[in-house]
Amino acid sequence: MLKKQSKKEKIIIEEFLNFKPVRENFEWFKTDENLVRIVVPKFKSKLGKKFCKLLGKDDTFTANLDEIGSLVWENCDGKHTVKEILEILEKKFPKEENMLNRLILFLQQMRKLKYINY
């Protein structure tokens, strides 16, 4: 059950819907299943990268996105607003519930991980 939003919360959501998320400069690719894989460095420093090399370990990991996350990632191009991305998702996944909440949480997590910015 959704709680009723206050006027302040509605204003904040309306502002958020106008943001234009932009992917950070990560290498990424799409699989044969059309899912996005993001190659993320484990370390930013040269020391960390050298340490991985010394141990014979990879200095990156791959973040695997699902169908919804992949579609969001592709549209985080600085041209689409959050509202436009929401509309794309609702059109592609009409049976999914709480798409706005899912999108907001996903974008917040991606920003926290520094995969995107606004």
PDB file of N, CA and C in Angstrom:
ATOM      1  N   MET A   1       0.843  -1.173   0.000  1.00  0.00           N
ATOM      2  CA  MET A   1       0.000   0.000   0.000  1.00  0.00           C
ATOM      3  C   MET A   1       0.893   1.243   0.000  1.00  0.00           C
ATOM      4  N   LEU A   2       0.591   2.169  -0.894  1.00  0.00           N
ATOM      5  CA  LEU A   2       1.376   3.398  -0.976  1.00  0.00           C
ATOM      6  C   LEU A   2       0.889   4.410   0.036  1.00  0.00           C
ATOM      7  N   LYS A   3       1.828   5.076   0.670  1.00  0.00           N
ATOM      8  CA  LYS A   3       1.433   6.131   1.598  1.00  0.00           C
ATOM      9  C   LYS A   3       1.193   7.414   0.797  1.00  0.00           C
ATOM     10  N   LYS A   4       0.330   8.245   1.303  1.00  0.00           N
ATOM     11  CA  LYS A   4       0.026   9.502   0.653  1.00  0.00           C
ATOM     12  C   LYS A   4       1.232  10.431   0.773  1.00  0.00           C
ATOM     13  N   GLN A   5       1.605  11.057  -0.344  1.00  0.00           N
ATOM     14  CA  GLN A   5       2.771  11.927  -0.349  1.00  0.00           C
ATOM     15  C   GLN A   5       2.409  13.337   0.105  1.00  0.00           C
ATOM     16  N   SER A   6       3.318  13.928   0.851  1.00  0.00           N
ATOM     17  CA  SER A   6       3.119  15.311   1.257  1.00  0.00           C
ATOM     18  C   SER A   6       3.419  16.218   0.070  1.00  0.00           C
ATOM     19  N   LYS A   7       3.012  17.475   0.193  1.00  0.00           N
ATOM     20  CA  LYS A   7       3.252  18.450  -0.872  1.00  0.00           C
ATOM     21  C   LYS A   7       4.754  18.601  -1.133  1.00  0.00           C
ATOM     22  N   LYS A   8       5.546  18.611  -0.052  1.00  0.00           N
ATOM     23  CA  LYS A   8       7.001  18.749  -0.177  1.00  0.00           C
ATOM     24  C   LYS A   8       7.593  17.558  -0.926  1.00  0.00           C
ATOM     25  N   GLU A   9       7.127  16.347  -0.601  1.00  0.00           N
ATOM     26  CA  GLU A   9       7.621  15.144  -1.287  1.00  0.00           C
ATOM     27  C   GLU A   9       7.280  15.181  -2.769  1.00  0.00           C
ATOM     28  N   LYS A  10       6.089  15.673  -3.118  1.00  0.00           N
ATOM     29  CA  LYS A  10       5.694  15.770  -4.529  1.00  0.00           C
ATOM     30  C   LYS A  10       6.604  16.729  -5.280  1.00  0.00           C
ATOM     31  N   ILE A  11       6.951  17.835  -4.661  1.00  0.00           N
ATOM     32  CA  ILE A  11       7.840  18.808  -5.289  1.00  0.00           C
ATOM     33  C   ILE A  11       9.218  18.194  -5.515  1.00  0.00           C
ATOM     34  N   ILE A  12       9.717  17.479  -4.522  1.00  0.00           N
ATOM     35  CA  ILE A  12      11.029  16.842  -4.640  1.00  0.00           C
ATOM     36  C   ILE A  12      11.012  15.812  -5.770  1.00  0.00           C
ATOM     37  N   ILE A  13       9.952  15.011  -5.871  1.00  0.00           N
ATOM     38  CA  ILE A  13       9.848  14.009  -6.933  1.00  0.00           C
ATOM     39  C   ILE A  13       9.750  14.700  -8.288  1.00  0.00           C
ATOM     40  N   GLU A  14       8.981  15.771  -8.378  1.00  0.00           N
ATOM     41  CA  GLU A  14       8.868  16.507  -9.643  1.00  0.00           C
ATOM     42  C   GLU A  14      10.220  17.052 -10.079  1.00  0.00           C
ATOM     43  N   GLU A  15      11.008  17.563  -9.143  1.00  0.00           N
ATOM     44  CA  GLU A  15      12.346  18.051  -9.467  1.00  0.00           C
ATOM     45  C   GLU A  15      13.231  16.905  -9.935  1.00  0.00           C
ATOM     46  N   PHE A  16      13.162  15.781  -9.216  1.00  0.00           N
ATOM     47  CA  PHE A  16      13.967  14.613  -9.562  1.00  0.00           C
ATOM     48  C   PHE A  16      13.637  14.112 -10.966  1.00  0.00           C
ATOM     49  N   LEU A  17      12.364  14.137 -11.328  1.00  0.00           N
ATOM     50  CA  LEU A  17      11.937  13.676 -12.650  1.00  0.00           C
ATOM     51  C   LEU A  17      12.548  14.511 -13.781  1.00  0.00           C
ATOM     52  N   ASN A  18      12.985  15.716 -13.473  1.00  0.00           N
ATOM     53  CA  ASN A  18      13.595  16.584 -14.490  1.00  0.00           C
ATOM     54  C   ASN A  18      15.112  16.414 -14.588  1.00  0.00           C
ATOM     55  N   PHE A  19      15.710  15.661 -13.674  1.00  0.00           N
ATOM     56  CA  PHE A  19      17.153  15.414 -13.741  1.00  0.00           C
ATOM     57  C   PHE A  19      17.477  14.611 -14.994  1.00  0.00           C
ATOM     58  N   LYS A  20      18.691  14.819 -15.503  1.00  0.00           N
ATOM     59  CA  LYS A  20      19.171  14.061 -16.657  1.00  0.00           C
ATOM     60  C   LYS A  20      20.398  13.259 -16.236  1.00  0.00           C
ATOM     61  N   PRO A  21      20.180  11.997 -15.858  1.00  0.00           N
ATOM     62  CA  PRO A  21      21.316  11.188 -15.409  1.00  0.00           C
ATOM     63  C   PRO A  21      22.310  10.918 -16.539  1.00  0.00           C
ATOM     64  N   VAL A  22      23.586  10.888 -16.163  1.00  0.00           N
ATOM     65  CA  VAL A  22      24.668  10.664 -17.119  1.00  0.00           C
ATOM     66  C   VAL A  22      25.560   9.540 -16.600  1.00  0.00           C
ATOM     67  N   ARG A  23      25.834   8.572 -17.454  1.00  0.00           N
ATOM     68  CA  ARG A  23      26.746   7.482 -17.092  1.00  0.00           C
ATOM     69  C   ARG A  23      28.140   8.041 -16.879  1.00  0.00           C
ATOM     70  N   GLU A  24      28.834   7.503 -15.886  1.00  0.00           N
ATOM     71  CA  GLU A  24      30.247   7.838 -15.727  1.00  0.00           C
ATOM     72  C   GLU A  24      31.021   7.068 -16.800  1.00  0.00           C
ATOM     73  N   ASN A  25      32.278   7.396 -16.952  1.00  0.00           N
ATOM     74  CA  ASN A  25      33.073   6.861 -18.045  1.00  0.00           C
ATOM     75  C   ASN A  25      33.591   5.456 -17.747  1.00  0.00           C
ATOM     76  N   PHE A  26      32.666   4.496 -17.705  1.00  0.00           N
ATOM     77  CA  PHE A  26      33.012   3.094 -17.511  1.00  0.00           C
ATOM     78  C   PHE A  26      32.894   2.376 -18.844  1.00  0.00           C
ATOM     79  N   GLU A  27      33.752   1.388 -19.032  1.00  0.00           N
ATOM     80  CA  GLU A  27      33.596   0.508 -20.184  1.00  0.00           C
ATOM     81  C   GLU A  27      32.348  -0.326 -19.933  1.00  0.00           C
ATOM     82  N   TRP A  28      31.530  -0.517 -20.951  1.00  0.00           N
ATOM     83  CA  TRP A  28      30.347  -1.362 -20.808  1.00  0.00           C
ATOM     84  C   TRP A  28      29.990  -1.966 -22.152  1.00  0.00           C
ATOM     85  N   PHE A  29      29.244  -3.044 -22.102  1.00  0.00           N
ATOM     86  CA  PHE A  29      28.843  -3.730 -23.327  1.00  0.00           C
ATOM     87  C   PHE A  29      27.518  -4.442 -23.088  1.00  0.00           C
ATOM     88  N   LYS A  30      26.903  -4.855 -24.185  1.00  0.00           N
ATOM     89  CA  LYS A  30      25.650  -5.592 -24.107  1.00  0.00           C
ATOM     90  C   LYS A  30      25.895  -7.042 -24.491  1.00  0.00           C
ATOM     91  N   THR A  31      25.232  -7.937 -23.783  1.00  0.00           N
ATOM     92  CA  THR A  31      25.341  -9.361 -24.064  1.00  0.00           C
ATOM     93  C   THR A  31      24.414  -9.725 -25.230  1.00  0.00           C
ATOM     94  N   ASP A  32      24.478 -10.972 -25.644  1.00  0.00           N
ATOM     95  CA  ASP A  32      23.576 -11.463 -26.692  1.00  0.00           C
ATOM     96  C   ASP A  32      22.114 -11.373 -26.252  1.00  0.00           C
ATOM     97  N   GLU A  33      21.908 -11.402 -24.933  1.00  0.00           N
ATOM     98  CA  GLU A  33      20.546 -11.295 -24.389  1.00  0.00           C
ATOM     99  C   GLU A  33      20.112  -9.839 -24.224  1.00  0.00           C
ATOM    100  N   ASN A  34      20.941  -8.903 -24.695  1.00  0.00           N
ATOM    101  CA  ASN A  34      20.646  -7.469 -24.629  1.00  0.00           C
ATOM    102  C   ASN A  34      20.729  -6.915 -23.207  1.00  0.00           C
ATOM    103  N   LEU A  35      21.511  -7.580 -22.351  1.00  0.00           N
ATOM    104  CA  LEU A  35      21.708  -7.106 -20.982  1.00  0.00           C
ATOM    105  C   LEU A  35      23.040  -6.376 -20.898  1.00  0.00           C
ATOM    106  N   VAL A  36      23.084  -5.336 -20.089  1.00  0.00           N
ATOM    107  CA  VAL A  36      24.291  -4.520 -19.951  1.00  0.00           C
ATOM    108  C   VAL A  36      25.217  -5.105 -18.897  1.00  0.00           C
ATOM    109  N   ARG A  37      26.491  -5.089 -19.221  1.00  0.00           N
ATOM    110  CA  ARG A  37      27.568  -5.465 -18.298  1.00  0.00           C
ATOM    111  C   ARG A  37      28.491  -4.260 -18.198  1.00  0.00           C
ATOM    112  N   ILE A  38      28.741  -3.795 -16.969  1.00  0.00           N
ATOM    113  CA  ILE A  38      29.594  -2.625 -16.751  1.00  0.00           C
ATOM    114  C   ILE A  38      30.907  -3.108 -16.152  1.00  0.00           C
ATOM    115  N   VAL A  39      32.010  -2.716 -16.765  1.00  0.00           N
ATOM    116  CA  VAL A  39      33.333  -3.088 -16.269  1.00  0.00           C
ATOM    117  C   VAL A  39      33.789  -1.986 -15.320  1.00  0.00           C
ATOM    118  N   VAL A  40      33.928  -2.345 -14.043  1.00  0.00           N
ATOM    119  CA  VAL A  40      34.214  -1.367 -12.993  1.00  0.00           C
ATOM    120  C   VAL A  40      35.602  -1.619 -12.411  1.00  0.00           C
ATOM    121  N   PRO A  41      36.455  -0.588 -12.365  1.00  0.00           N
ATOM    122  CA  PRO A  41      37.769  -0.764 -11.736  1.00  0.00           C
ATOM    123  C   PRO A  41      37.613  -0.998 -10.236  1.00  0.00           C
ATOM    124  N   LYS A  42      38.410  -1.919  -9.693  1.00  0.00           N
ATOM    125  CA  LYS A  42      38.392  -2.170  -8.251  1.00  0.00           C
ATOM    126  C   LYS A  42      39.103  -1.064  -7.492  1.00  0.00           C
ATOM    127  N   PHE A  43      40.100  -0.471  -8.127  1.00  0.00           N
ATOM    128  CA  PHE A  43      40.898   0.579  -7.505  1.00  0.00           C
ATOM    129  C   PHE A  43      41.082   1.736  -8.476  1.00  0.00           C
ATOM    130  N   LYS A  44      41.184   2.935  -7.936  1.00  0.00           N
ATOM    131  CA  LYS A  44      41.484   4.116  -8.754  1.00  0.00           C
ATOM    132  C   LYS A  44      42.981   4.414  -8.734  1.00  0.00           C
ATOM    133  N   SER A  45      43.629   4.030  -7.669  1.00  0.00           N
ATOM    134  CA  SER A  45      45.050   4.343  -7.509  1.00  0.00           C
ATOM    135  C   SER A  45      45.920   3.356  -8.288  1.00  0.00           C
ATOM    136  N   LYS A  46      47.086   3.829  -8.661  1.00  0.00           N
ATOM    137  CA  LYS A  46      48.053   2.976  -9.352  1.00  0.00           C
ATOM    138  C   LYS A  46      48.529   1.856  -8.421  1.00  0.00           C
ATOM    139  N   LEU A  47      48.652   2.185  -7.125  1.00  0.00           N
ATOM    140  CA  LEU A  47      49.104   1.204  -6.146  1.00  0.00           C
ATOM    141  C   LEU A  47      48.151   0.008  -6.088  1.00  0.00           C
ATOM    142  N   GLY A  48      46.860   0.287  -6.041  1.00  0.00           N
ATOM    143  CA  GLY A  48      45.861  -0.784  -6.004  1.00  0.00           C
ATOM    144  C   GLY A  48      45.915  -1.647  -7.238  1.00  0.00           C
ATOM    145  N   LYS A  49      46.066  -1.008  -8.397  1.00  0.00           N
ATOM    146  CA  LYS A  49      46.150  -1.748  -9.655  1.00  0.00           C
ATOM    147  C   LYS A  49      47.409  -2.620  -9.685  1.00  0.00           C
ATOM    148  N   LYS A  50      48.519  -2.070  -9.192  1.00  0.00           N
ATOM    149  CA  LYS A  50      49.772  -2.835  -9.153  1.00  0.00           C
ATOM    150  C   LYS A  50      49.650  -4.019  -8.203  1.00  0.00           C
ATOM    151  N   PHE A  51      48.962  -3.801  -7.084  1.00  0.00           N
ATOM    152  CA  PHE A  51      48.760  -4.863  -6.103  1.00  0.00           C
ATOM    153  C   PHE A  51      47.981  -6.025  -6.735  1.00  0.00           C
ATOM    154  N   CYS A  52      46.931  -5.707  -7.471  1.00  0.00           N
ATOM    155  CA  CYS A  52      46.157  -6.744  -8.154  1.00  0.00           C
ATOM    156  C   CYS A  52      47.030  -7.502  -9.146  1.00  0.00           C
ATOM    157  N   LYS A  53      47.818  -6.749  -9.896  1.00  0.00           N
ATOM    158  CA  LYS A  53      48.697  -7.365 -10.883  1.00  0.00           C
ATOM    159  C   LYS A  53      49.704  -8.291 -10.197  1.00  0.00           C
ATOM    160  N   LEU A  54      50.263  -7.836  -9.078  1.00  0.00           N
ATOM    161  CA  LEU A  54      51.226  -8.616  -8.318  1.00  0.00           C
ATOM    162  C   LEU A  54      50.618  -9.944  -7.849  1.00  0.00           C
ATOM    163  N   LEU A  55      49.345  -9.897  -7.431  1.00  0.00           N
ATOM    164  CA  LEU A  55      48.657 -11.097  -6.955  1.00  0.00           C
ATOM    165  C   LEU A  55      48.072 -11.933  -8.096  1.00  0.00           C
ATOM    166  N   GLY A  56      48.190 -11.410  -9.319  1.00  0.00           N
ATOM    167  CA  GLY A  56      47.624 -12.120 -10.462  1.00  0.00           C
ATOM    168  C   GLY A  56      46.112 -12.052 -10.524  1.00  0.00           C
ATOM    169  N   LYS A  57      45.564 -11.013  -9.934  1.00  0.00           N
ATOM    170  CA  LYS A  57      44.113 -10.830  -9.903  1.00  0.00           C
ATOM    171  C   LYS A  57      43.707  -9.734 -10.888  1.00  0.00           C
ATOM    172  N   ASP A  58      42.484  -9.821 -11.335  1.00  0.00           N
ATOM    173  CA  ASP A  58      41.944  -8.805 -12.234  1.00  0.00           C
ATOM    174  C   ASP A  58      41.695  -7.521 -11.440  1.00  0.00           C
ATOM    175  N   ASP A  59      41.993  -6.374 -12.024  1.00  0.00           N
ATOM    176  CA  ASP A  59      41.784  -5.109 -11.314  1.00  0.00           C
ATOM    177  C   ASP A  59      40.422  -4.483 -11.629  1.00  0.00           C
ATOM    178  N   THR A  60      39.534  -5.270 -12.237  1.00  0.00           N
ATOM    179  CA  THR A  60      38.169  -4.819 -12.507  1.00  0.00           C
ATOM    180  C   THR A  60      37.192  -5.924 -12.104  1.00  0.00           C
ATOM    181  N   PHE A  61      35.935  -5.545 -11.986  1.00  0.00           N
ATOM    182  CA  PHE A  61      34.876  -6.537 -11.853  1.00  0.00           C
ATOM    183  C   PHE A  61      33.752  -6.119 -12.777  1.00  0.00           C
ATOM    184  N   THR A  62      32.853  -7.023 -13.056  1.00  0.00           N
ATOM    185  CA  THR A  62      31.759  -6.738 -13.975  1.00  0.00           C
ATOM    186  C   THR A  62      30.448  -6.673 -13.213  1.00  0.00           C
ATOM    187  N   ALA A  63      29.749  -5.542 -13.351  1.00  0.00           N
ATOM    188  CA  ALA A  63      28.417  -5.384 -12.770  1.00  0.00           C
ATOM    189  C   ALA A  63      27.397  -5.815 -13.824  1.00  0.00           C
ATOM    190  N   ASN A  64      26.591  -6.805 -13.485  1.00  0.00           N
ATOM    191  CA  ASN A  64      25.609  -7.368 -14.417  1.00  0.00           C
ATOM    192  C   ASN A  64      24.235  -6.786 -14.130  1.00  0.00           C
ATOM    193  N   LEU A  65      23.673  -6.100 -15.103  1.00  0.00           N
ATOM    194  CA  LEU A  65      22.356  -5.487 -14.919  1.00  0.00           C
ATOM    195  C   LEU A  65      21.262  -6.376 -15.502  1.00  0.00           C
ATOM    196  N   ASP A  66      20.090  -6.307 -14.886  1.00  0.00           N
ATOM    197  CA  ASP A  66      18.945  -7.046 -15.414  1.00  0.00           C
ATOM    198  C   ASP A  66      18.326  -6.242 -16.556  1.00  0.00           C
ATOM    199  N   GLU A  67      17.192  -6.707 -17.046  1.00  0.00           N
ATOM    200  CA  GLU A  67      16.551  -6.076 -18.201  1.00  0.00           C
ATOM    201  C   GLU A  67      16.176  -4.615 -17.926  1.00  0.00           C
ATOM    202  N   ILE A  68      15.602  -4.372 -16.763  1.00  0.00           N
ATOM    203  CA  ILE A  68      15.193  -3.009 -16.420  1.00  0.00           C
ATOM    204  C   ILE A  68      16.419  -2.128 -16.211  1.00  0.00           C
ATOM    205  N   GLY A  69      17.388  -2.603 -15.428  1.00  0.00           N
ATOM    206  CA  GLY A  69      18.604  -1.844 -15.187  1.00  0.00           C
ATOM    207  C   GLY A  69      19.350  -1.543 -16.474  1.00  0.00           C
ATOM    208  N   SER A  70      19.366  -2.497 -17.395  1.00  0.00           N
ATOM    209  CA  SER A  70      20.048  -2.307 -18.675  1.00  0.00           C
ATOM    210  C   SER A  70      19.396  -1.186 -19.476  1.00  0.00           C
ATOM    211  N   LEU A  71      18.075  -1.177 -19.504  1.00  0.00           N
ATOM    212  CA  LEU A  71      17.363  -0.140 -20.239  1.00  0.00           C
ATOM    213  C   LEU A  71      17.600   1.234 -19.611  1.00  0.00           C
ATOM    214  N   VAL A  72      17.613   1.283 -18.282  1.00  0.00           N
ATOM    215  CA  VAL A  72      17.895   2.543 -17.589  1.00  0.00           C
ATOM    216  C   VAL A  72      19.305   3.013 -17.925  1.00  0.00           C
ATOM    217  N   TRP A  73      20.286   2.112 -17.806  1.00  0.00           N
ATOM    218  CA  TRP A  73      21.687   2.457 -18.067  1.00  0.00           C
ATOM    219  C   TRP A  73      21.864   3.036 -19.473  1.00  0.00           C
ATOM    220  N   GLU A  74      21.265   2.392 -20.455  1.00  0.00           N
ATOM    221  CA  GLU A  74      21.387   2.857 -21.839  1.00  0.00           C
ATOM    222  C   GLU A  74      20.832   4.269 -22.005  1.00  0.00           C
ATOM    223  N   ASN A  75      19.829   4.608 -21.233  1.00  0.00           N
ATOM    224  CA  ASN A  75      19.192   5.917 -21.363  1.00  0.00           C
ATOM    225  C   ASN A  75      19.755   6.974 -20.425  1.00  0.00           C
ATOM    226  N   CYS A  76      20.747   6.615 -19.620  1.00  0.00           N
ATOM    227  CA  CYS A  76      21.438   7.594 -18.775  1.00  0.00           C
ATOM    228  C   CYS A  76      22.536   8.243 -19.618  1.00  0.00           C
ATOM    229  N   ASP A  77      22.098   8.988 -20.613  1.00  0.00           N
ATOM    230  CA  ASP A  77      23.014   9.565 -21.595  1.00  0.00           C
ATOM    231  C   ASP A  77      23.109  11.086 -21.505  1.00  0.00           C
ATOM    232  N   GLY A  78      22.472  11.658 -20.485  1.00  0.00           N
ATOM    233  CA  GLY A  78      22.488  13.107 -20.329  1.00  0.00           C
ATOM    234  C   GLY A  78      21.472  13.814 -21.206  1.00  0.00           C
ATOM    235  N   LYS A  79      20.777  13.059 -22.025  1.00  0.00           N
ATOM    236  CA  LYS A  79      19.748  13.630 -22.910  1.00  0.00           C
ATOM    237  C   LYS A  79      18.349  13.343 -22.390  1.00  0.00           C
ATOM    238  N   HIS A  80      18.170  12.155 -21.806  1.00  0.00           N
ATOM    239  CA  HIS A  80      16.861  11.751 -21.288  1.00  0.00           C
ATOM    240  C   HIS A  80      16.696  12.187 -19.836  1.00  0.00           C
ATOM    241  N   THR A  81      15.532  12.724 -19.523  1.00  0.00           N
ATOM    242  CA  THR A  81      15.217  13.032 -18.129  1.00  0.00           C
ATOM    243  C   THR A  81      14.775  11.754 -17.433  1.00  0.00           C
ATOM    244  N   VAL A  82      14.743  11.801 -16.116  1.00  0.00           N
ATOM    245  CA  VAL A  82      14.259  10.655 -15.350  1.00  0.00           C
ATOM    246  C   VAL A  82      12.818  10.355 -15.757  1.00  0.00           C
ATOM    247  N   LYS A  83      12.032  11.390 -15.994  1.00  0.00           N
ATOM    248  CA  LYS A  83      10.637  11.209 -16.409  1.00  0.00           C
ATOM    249  C   LYS A  83      10.558  10.477 -17.748  1.00  0.00           C
ATOM    250  N   GLU A  84      11.421  10.841 -18.679  1.00  0.00           N
ATOM    251  CA  GLU A  84      11.426  10.170 -19.982  1.00  0.00           C
ATOM    252  C   GLU A  84      11.851   8.709 -19.841  1.00  0.00           C
ATOM    253  N   ILE A  85      12.831   8.458 -18.975  1.00  0.00           N
ATOM    254  CA  ILE A  85      13.262   7.077 -18.735  1.00  0.00           C
ATOM    255  C   ILE A  85      12.121   6.278 -18.115  1.00  0.00           C
ATOM    256  N   LEU A  86      11.399   6.896 -17.177  1.00  0.00           N
ATOM    257  CA  LEU A  86      10.239   6.243 -16.562  1.00  0.00           C
ATOM    258  C   LEU A  86       9.203   5.879 -17.621  1.00  0.00           C
ATOM    259  N   GLU A  87       8.932   6.787 -18.535  1.00  0.00           N
ATOM    260  CA  GLU A  87       7.957   6.535 -19.603  1.00  0.00           C
ATOM    261  C   GLU A  87       8.407   5.381 -20.497  1.00  0.00           C
ATOM    262  N   ILE A  88       9.702   5.320 -20.800  1.00  0.00           N
ATOM    263  CA  ILE A  88      10.253   4.225 -21.603  1.00  0.00           C
ATOM    264  C   ILE A  88      10.050   2.893 -20.876  1.00  0.00           C
ATOM    265  N   LEU A  89      10.342   2.888 -19.566  1.00  0.00           N
ATOM    266  CA  LEU A  89      10.186   1.669 -18.768  1.00  0.00           C
ATOM    267  C   LEU A  89       8.730   1.227 -18.698  1.00  0.00           C
ATOM    268  N   GLU A  90       7.836   2.179 -18.463  1.00  0.00           N
ATOM    269  CA  GLU A  90       6.415   1.836 -18.344  1.00  0.00           C
ATOM    270  C   GLU A  90       5.867   1.298 -19.662  1.00  0.00           C
ATOM    271  N   LYS A  91       6.380   1.791 -20.769  1.00  0.00           N
ATOM    272  CA  LYS A  91       5.950   1.307 -22.081  1.00  0.00           C
ATOM    273  C   LYS A  91       6.491  -0.106 -22.335  1.00  0.00           C
ATOM    274  N   LYS A  92       7.743  -0.335 -21.984  1.00  0.00           N
ATOM    275  CA  LYS A  92       8.394  -1.630 -22.224  1.00  0.00           C
ATOM    276  C   LYS A  92       7.925  -2.704 -21.231  1.00  0.00           C
ATOM    277  N   PHE A  93       7.629  -2.295 -19.986  1.00  0.00           N
ATOM    278  CA  PHE A  93       7.235  -3.240 -18.931  1.00  0.00           C
ATOM    279  C   PHE A  93       5.898  -2.808 -18.320  1.00  0.00           C
ATOM    280  N   PRO A  94       4.808  -2.887 -19.080  1.00  0.00           N
ATOM    281  CA  PRO A  94       3.516  -2.360 -18.592  1.00  0.00           C
ATOM    282  C   PRO A  94       2.948  -3.098 -17.381  1.00  0.00           C
ATOM    283  N   LYS A  95       3.367  -4.328 -17.151  1.00  0.00           N
ATOM    284  CA  LYS A  95       2.813  -5.103 -16.036  1.00  0.00           C
ATOM    285  C   LYS A  95       3.601  -4.923 -14.742  1.00  0.00           C
ATOM    286  N   GLU A  96       4.760  -4.282 -14.813  1.00  0.00           N
ATOM    287  CA  GLU A  96       5.586  -4.072 -13.611  1.00  0.00           C
ATOM    288  C   GLU A  96       4.931  -3.044 -12.695  1.00  0.00           C
ATOM    289  N   GLU A  97       4.934  -3.340 -11.405  1.00  0.00           N
ATOM    290  CA  GLU A  97       4.344  -2.425 -10.421  1.00  0.00           C
ATOM    291  C   GLU A  97       5.424  -1.545  -9.796  1.00  0.00           C
ATOM    292  N   ASN A  98       5.019  -0.394  -9.299  1.00  0.00           N
ATOM    293  CA  ASN A  98       5.898   0.538  -8.581  1.00  0.00           C
ATOM    294  C   ASN A  98       7.138   0.930  -9.380  1.00  0.00           C
ATOM    295  N   MET A  99       6.963   1.142 -10.667  1.00  0.00           N
ATOM    296  CA  MET A  99       8.111   1.430 -11.522  1.00  0.00           C
ATOM    297  C   MET A  99       8.813   2.732 -11.111  1.00  0.00           C
ATOM    298  N   LEU A 100       8.065   3.744 -10.705  1.00  0.00           N
ATOM    299  CA  LEU A 100       8.691   4.997 -10.262  1.00  0.00           C
ATOM    300  C   LEU A 100       9.594   4.747  -9.066  1.00  0.00           C
ATOM    301  N   ASN A 101       9.095   4.032  -8.068  1.00  0.00           N
ATOM    302  CA  ASN A 101       9.905   3.737  -6.879  1.00  0.00           C
ATOM    303  C   ASN A 101      11.135   2.925  -7.239  1.00  0.00           C
ATOM    304  N   ARG A 102      10.967   1.932  -8.094  1.00  0.00           N
ATOM    305  CA  ARG A 102      12.090   1.094  -8.511  1.00  0.00           C
ATOM    306  C   ARG A 102      13.150   1.931  -9.227  1.00  0.00           C
ATOM    307  N   LEU A 103      12.684   2.814 -10.102  1.00  0.00           N
ATOM    308  CA  LEU A 103      13.617   3.659 -10.858  1.00  0.00           C
ATOM    309  C   LEU A 103      14.379   4.598  -9.926  1.00  0.00           C
ATOM    310  N   ILE A 104      13.672   5.230  -9.021  1.00  0.00           N
ATOM    311  CA  ILE A 104      14.315   6.157  -8.081  1.00  0.00           C
ATOM    312  C   ILE A 104      15.356   5.420  -7.242  1.00  0.00           C
ATOM    313  N   LEU A 105      15.001   4.267  -6.705  1.00  0.00           N
ATOM    314  CA  LEU A 105      15.950   3.502  -5.886  1.00  0.00           C
ATOM    315  C   LEU A 105      17.161   3.056  -6.710  1.00  0.00           C
ATOM    316  N   PHE A 106      16.919   2.619  -7.932  1.00  0.00           N
ATOM    317  CA  PHE A 106      18.018   2.179  -8.797  1.00  0.00           C
ATOM    318  C   PHE A 106      18.962   3.343  -9.096  1.00  0.00           C
ATOM    319  N   LEU A 107      18.405   4.485  -9.465  1.00  0.00           N
ATOM    320  CA  LEU A 107      19.245   5.644  -9.785  1.00  0.00           C
ATOM    321  C   LEU A 107      20.015   6.129  -8.557  1.00  0.00           C
ATOM    322  N   GLN A 108      19.366   6.107  -7.399  1.00  0.00           N
ATOM    323  CA  GLN A 108      20.062   6.504  -6.174  1.00  0.00           C
ATOM    324  C   GLN A 108      21.229   5.573  -5.886  1.00  0.00           C
ATOM    325  N   GLN A 109      21.019   4.280  -6.079  1.00  0.00           N
ATOM    326  CA  GLN A 109      22.083   3.307  -5.839  1.00  0.00           C
ATOM    327  C   GLN A 109      23.217   3.492  -6.855  1.00  0.00           C
ATOM    328  N   MET A 110      22.865   3.716  -8.101  1.00  0.00           N
ATOM    329  CA  MET A 110      23.882   3.917  -9.137  1.00  0.00           C
ATOM    330  C   MET A 110      24.700   5.181  -8.863  1.00  0.00           C
ATOM    331  N   ARG A 111      24.040   6.210  -8.340  1.00  0.00           N
ATOM    332  CA  ARG A 111      24.766   7.435  -8.005  1.00  0.00           C
ATOM    333  C   ARG A 111      25.666   7.218  -6.784  1.00  0.00           C
ATOM    334  N   LYS A 112      25.151   6.502  -5.808  1.00  0.00           N
ATOM    335  CA  LYS A 112      25.946   6.206  -4.608  1.00  0.00           C
ATOM    336  C   LYS A 112      27.210   5.426  -4.971  1.00  0.00           C
ATOM    337  N   LEU A 113      27.089   4.520  -5.931  1.00  0.00           N
ATOM    338  CA  LEU A 113      28.240   3.744  -6.390  1.00  0.00           C
ATOM    339  C   LEU A 113      29.134   4.525  -7.363  1.00  0.00           C
ATOM    340  N   LYS A 114      28.683   5.735  -7.688  1.00  0.00           N
ATOM    341  CA  LYS A 114      29.402   6.628  -8.619  1.00  0.00           C
ATOM    342  C   LYS A 114      29.457   6.065 -10.039  1.00  0.00           C
ATOM    343  N   TYR A 115      28.365   5.367 -10.431  1.00  0.00           N
ATOM    344  CA  TYR A 115      28.244   4.879 -11.794  1.00  0.00           C
ATOM    345  C   TYR A 115      27.569   5.923 -12.679  1.00  0.00           C
ATOM    346  N   ILE A 116      26.740   6.779 -12.059  1.00  0.00           N
ATOM    347  CA  ILE A 116      26.079   7.861 -12.788  1.00  0.00           C
ATOM    348  C   ILE A 116      26.186   9.149 -11.991  1.00  0.00           C
ATOM    349  N   ASN A 117      25.829  10.239 -12.650  1.00  0.00           N
ATOM    350  CA  ASN A 117      25.757  11.542 -12.010  1.00  0.00           C
ATOM    351  C   ASN A 117      24.597  12.292 -12.643  1.00  0.00           C
ATOM    352  N   TYR A 118      24.198  13.382 -12.013  1.00  0.00           N
ATOM    353  CA  TYR A 118      23.091  14.203 -12.563  1.00  0.00           C
ATOM    354  C   TYR A 118      23.629  15.554 -12.970  1.00  0.00           C
TER     355      TYR A 118
END
